[in-house]
Amino acid sequence: MTSSSYKYKQADTNKALFTVFTDLCKGCGLCIEKCPAKTLVWSENLGVYGTPAVEPRNKEECTACGMCATVCPDCAIVIERKK
């Protein structure tokens, strides 16, 4: 589901493949605020406006609920749940 036309960072969590497209992330922080597991943090990777993108802090805590992808206004996060 990832595209080579955008820069992205992936994290393989226990329950999902977490992808953030840094070229789309503007660093608004909505995903960090709404994550029920409080697992998202600011990344060292910069987003579209030179602001920090996000990444999962503790891969084991991510529940793969998809709330971060749902609230992202720029569709910069994709959660692919594992079976």
N, C-alpha and C. Protein backbone atom coordinates (compact mmCIF):
# COMPACT_ATOMS: atom_id res chain seq x y z
N MET A 1 0.82 -1.19 0.00
CA MET A 1 0.00 0.00 0.00
C MET A 1 0.86 1.26 0.00
N THR A 2 2.14 1.12 0.22
CA THR A 2 3.02 2.28 0.23
C THR A 2 3.38 2.67 -1.19
N SER A 3 3.70 3.93 -1.37
CA SER A 3 4.03 4.45 -2.69
C SER A 3 5.46 4.98 -2.69
N SER A 4 6.18 4.72 -3.76
CA SER A 4 7.56 5.17 -3.84
C SER A 4 7.66 6.66 -4.16
N SER A 5 6.55 7.31 -4.51
CA SER A 5 6.59 8.73 -4.83
C SER A 5 6.64 9.61 -3.58
N TYR A 6 6.37 9.05 -2.42
CA TYR A 6 6.43 9.79 -1.16
C TYR A 6 7.47 9.17 -0.25
N LYS A 7 8.13 10.01 0.56
CA LYS A 7 9.02 9.49 1.59
C LYS A 7 8.17 8.96 2.73
N TYR A 8 8.56 7.84 3.28
CA TYR A 8 7.79 7.26 4.38
C TYR A 8 8.73 6.55 5.35
N LYS A 9 8.20 6.34 6.55
CA LYS A 9 8.92 5.63 7.61
C LYS A 9 7.96 4.56 8.13
N GLN A 10 8.45 3.33 8.23
CA GLN A 10 7.60 2.24 8.70
C GLN A 10 8.10 1.68 10.02
N ALA A 11 7.16 1.22 10.81
CA ALA A 11 7.47 0.53 12.06
C ALA A 11 6.62 -0.73 12.09
N ASP A 12 7.25 -1.85 12.32
CA ASP A 12 6.55 -3.13 12.40
C ASP A 12 6.22 -3.38 13.87
N THR A 13 4.97 -3.10 14.25
CA THR A 13 4.56 -3.30 15.63
C THR A 13 4.06 -4.74 15.81
N ASN A 14 3.71 -5.10 17.01
CA ASN A 14 3.21 -6.45 17.26
C ASN A 14 1.92 -6.73 16.51
N LYS A 15 1.09 -5.71 16.31
CA LYS A 15 -0.23 -5.93 15.73
C LYS A 15 -0.43 -5.35 14.34
N ALA A 16 0.51 -4.51 13.87
CA ALA A 16 0.31 -3.88 12.56
C ALA A 16 1.60 -3.36 11.98
N LEU A 17 1.53 -3.03 10.71
CA LEU A 17 2.61 -2.29 10.06
C LEU A 17 2.17 -0.83 10.05
N PHE A 18 2.90 0.00 10.78
CA PHE A 18 2.59 1.42 10.94
C PHE A 18 3.43 2.19 9.93
N THR A 19 2.78 2.95 9.04
CA THR A 19 3.50 3.74 8.04
C THR A 19 3.09 5.19 8.17
N VAL A 20 4.08 6.07 8.26
CA VAL A 20 3.81 7.52 8.23
C VAL A 20 4.52 8.08 7.00
N PHE A 21 3.75 8.75 6.17
CA PHE A 21 4.29 9.40 4.98
C PHE A 21 4.76 10.79 5.40
N THR A 22 6.08 10.91 5.57
CA THR A 22 6.63 12.16 6.09
C THR A 22 6.43 13.33 5.14
N ASP A 23 6.31 13.05 3.84
CA ASP A 23 6.05 14.12 2.88
C ASP A 23 4.64 14.70 3.02
N LEU A 24 3.76 14.00 3.72
CA LEU A 24 2.39 14.48 3.91
C LEU A 24 2.14 15.01 5.32
N CYS A 25 2.93 14.54 6.29
CA CYS A 25 2.72 14.94 7.70
C CYS A 25 3.14 16.39 7.92
N LYS A 26 2.20 17.19 8.45
CA LYS A 26 2.51 18.59 8.73
C LYS A 26 2.82 18.83 10.20
N GLY A 27 2.80 17.78 11.00
CA GLY A 27 3.16 17.90 12.41
C GLY A 27 2.10 18.56 13.27
N CYS A 28 0.84 18.32 12.97
CA CYS A 28 -0.23 18.96 13.73
C CYS A 28 -0.41 18.33 15.12
N GLY A 29 -0.05 17.04 15.26
CA GLY A 29 -0.13 16.39 16.56
C GLY A 29 -1.48 15.80 16.92
N LEU A 30 -2.46 15.85 16.02
CA LEU A 30 -3.78 15.28 16.33
C LEU A 30 -3.68 13.79 16.64
N CYS A 31 -2.84 13.09 15.90
CA CYS A 31 -2.70 11.65 16.13
C CYS A 31 -2.13 11.35 17.51
N ILE A 32 -1.16 12.16 17.93
CA ILE A 32 -0.57 11.98 19.26
C ILE A 32 -1.62 12.22 20.34
N GLU A 33 -2.41 13.27 20.16
CA GLU A 33 -3.44 13.62 21.13
C GLU A 33 -4.53 12.57 21.24
N LYS A 34 -4.91 11.96 20.13
CA LYS A 34 -6.05 11.03 20.11
C LYS A 34 -5.68 9.57 20.29
N CYS A 35 -4.41 9.23 20.28
CA CYS A 35 -4.01 7.82 20.43
C CYS A 35 -4.42 7.31 21.81
N PRO A 36 -5.31 6.32 21.87
CA PRO A 36 -5.77 5.83 23.18
C PRO A 36 -4.66 5.11 23.97
N ALA A 37 -3.67 4.55 23.28
CA ALA A 37 -2.58 3.85 23.96
C ALA A 37 -1.43 4.79 24.30
N LYS A 38 -1.52 6.05 23.85
CA LYS A 38 -0.47 7.06 24.09
C LYS A 38 0.90 6.55 23.63
N THR A 39 0.92 5.93 22.47
CA THR A 39 2.16 5.34 21.98
C THR A 39 2.88 6.19 20.93
N LEU A 40 2.24 7.24 20.39
CA LEU A 40 2.88 8.06 19.37
C LEU A 40 3.67 9.21 19.98
N VAL A 41 4.83 9.46 19.39
CA VAL A 41 5.71 10.55 19.83
C VAL A 41 6.24 11.27 18.60
N TRP A 42 6.88 12.43 18.83
CA TRP A 42 7.50 13.17 17.74
C TRP A 42 8.74 12.42 17.28
N SER A 43 8.95 12.40 15.99
CA SER A 43 10.07 11.70 15.37
C SER A 43 11.22 12.66 15.07
N GLU A 44 12.38 12.13 14.78
CA GLU A 44 13.50 12.94 14.30
C GLU A 44 13.34 13.24 12.81
N ASN A 45 12.46 12.49 12.13
CA ASN A 45 12.20 12.72 10.72
C ASN A 45 11.30 13.94 10.57
N LEU A 46 11.64 14.79 9.61
CA LEU A 46 10.87 16.01 9.41
C LEU A 46 9.77 15.81 8.39
N GLY A 47 8.64 16.47 8.64
CA GLY A 47 7.50 16.40 7.75
C GLY A 47 7.56 17.46 6.67
N VAL A 48 6.44 17.67 6.03
CA VAL A 48 6.34 18.53 4.85
C VAL A 48 6.74 19.99 5.12
N TYR A 49 6.47 20.52 6.28
CA TYR A 49 6.81 21.91 6.60
C TYR A 49 8.07 22.04 7.45
N GLY A 50 8.85 20.97 7.52
CA GLY A 50 10.06 21.00 8.33
C GLY A 50 9.78 20.80 9.81
N THR A 51 8.57 20.40 10.13
CA THR A 51 8.19 20.10 11.51
C THR A 51 8.36 18.60 11.74
N PRO A 52 8.52 18.16 12.97
CA PRO A 52 8.68 16.73 13.22
C PRO A 52 7.46 15.93 12.80
N ALA A 53 7.71 14.77 12.21
CA ALA A 53 6.65 13.81 11.93
C ALA A 53 6.44 12.98 13.20
N VAL A 54 5.69 11.91 13.12
CA VAL A 54 5.42 11.07 14.30
C VAL A 54 5.91 9.65 14.05
N GLU A 55 6.00 8.90 15.16
CA GLU A 55 6.34 7.48 15.10
C GLU A 55 5.87 6.82 16.39
N PRO A 56 5.67 5.50 16.37
CA PRO A 56 5.30 4.80 17.61
C PRO A 56 6.50 4.76 18.56
N ARG A 57 6.29 5.11 19.79
CA ARG A 57 7.35 5.13 20.81
C ARG A 57 7.69 3.71 21.24
N ASN A 58 6.68 2.96 21.57
CA ASN A 58 6.87 1.60 22.06
C ASN A 58 6.02 0.69 21.18
N LYS A 59 6.67 -0.06 20.33
CA LYS A 59 5.95 -0.89 19.36
C LYS A 59 5.01 -1.90 20.01
N GLU A 60 5.31 -2.34 21.20
CA GLU A 60 4.47 -3.32 21.87
C GLU A 60 3.16 -2.71 22.38
N GLU A 61 3.14 -1.40 22.61
CA GLU A 61 1.94 -0.76 23.15
C GLU A 61 0.92 -0.41 22.09
N CYS A 62 1.32 -0.35 20.82
CA CYS A 62 0.38 0.00 19.75
C CYS A 62 -0.67 -1.09 19.61
N THR A 63 -1.95 -0.72 19.69
CA THR A 63 -3.04 -1.69 19.59
C THR A 63 -3.56 -1.81 18.16
N ALA A 64 -3.04 -1.02 17.24
CA ALA A 64 -3.46 -1.03 15.83
C ALA A 64 -4.93 -0.68 15.68
N CYS A 65 -5.41 0.21 16.54
CA CYS A 65 -6.82 0.60 16.48
C CYS A 65 -7.13 1.47 15.27
N GLY A 66 -6.11 2.18 14.75
CA GLY A 66 -6.30 3.01 13.57
C GLY A 66 -6.81 4.40 13.85
N MET A 67 -6.92 4.78 15.11
CA MET A 67 -7.42 6.11 15.46
C MET A 67 -6.51 7.19 14.87
N CYS A 68 -5.21 6.96 14.90
CA CYS A 68 -4.27 7.95 14.36
C CYS A 68 -4.52 8.20 12.88
N ALA A 69 -4.74 7.13 12.13
CA ALA A 69 -5.01 7.27 10.70
C ALA A 69 -6.36 7.94 10.46
N THR A 70 -7.32 7.68 11.32
CA THR A 70 -8.66 8.25 11.17
C THR A 70 -8.65 9.76 11.39
N VAL A 71 -7.92 10.24 12.39
CA VAL A 71 -7.94 11.67 12.70
C VAL A 71 -6.93 12.49 11.90
N CYS A 72 -6.02 11.84 11.19
CA CYS A 72 -5.00 12.57 10.43
C CYS A 72 -5.68 13.32 9.27
N PRO A 73 -5.60 14.67 9.28
CA PRO A 73 -6.28 15.44 8.24
C PRO A 73 -5.60 15.34 6.87
N ASP A 74 -4.39 14.80 6.83
CA ASP A 74 -3.64 14.73 5.57
C ASP A 74 -3.42 13.31 5.08
N CYS A 75 -4.07 12.34 5.72
CA CYS A 75 -3.93 10.92 5.34
C CYS A 75 -2.47 10.50 5.30
N ALA A 76 -1.69 10.96 6.26
CA ALA A 76 -0.26 10.68 6.29
C ALA A 76 0.07 9.39 7.03
N ILE A 77 -0.92 8.76 7.65
CA ILE A 77 -0.69 7.54 8.43
C ILE A 77 -1.53 6.40 7.85
N VAL A 78 -0.88 5.25 7.69
CA VAL A 78 -1.58 4.05 7.23
C VAL A 78 -1.27 2.94 8.22
N ILE A 79 -2.32 2.28 8.70
CA ILE A 79 -2.18 1.16 9.61
C ILE A 79 -2.66 -0.09 8.87
N GLU A 80 -1.75 -1.06 8.70
CA GLU A 80 -2.11 -2.32 8.07
C GLU A 80 -2.06 -3.40 9.16
N ARG A 81 -3.24 -3.79 9.63
CA ARG A 81 -3.32 -4.77 10.71
C ARG A 81 -2.81 -6.13 10.27
N LYS A 82 -2.13 -6.80 11.19
CA LYS A 82 -1.68 -8.17 10.93
C LYS A 82 -2.81 -9.14 11.23
N LYS A 83 -2.78 -10.27 10.56
CA LYS A 83 -3.82 -11.29 10.79
C LYS A 83 -3.43 -12.20 11.92
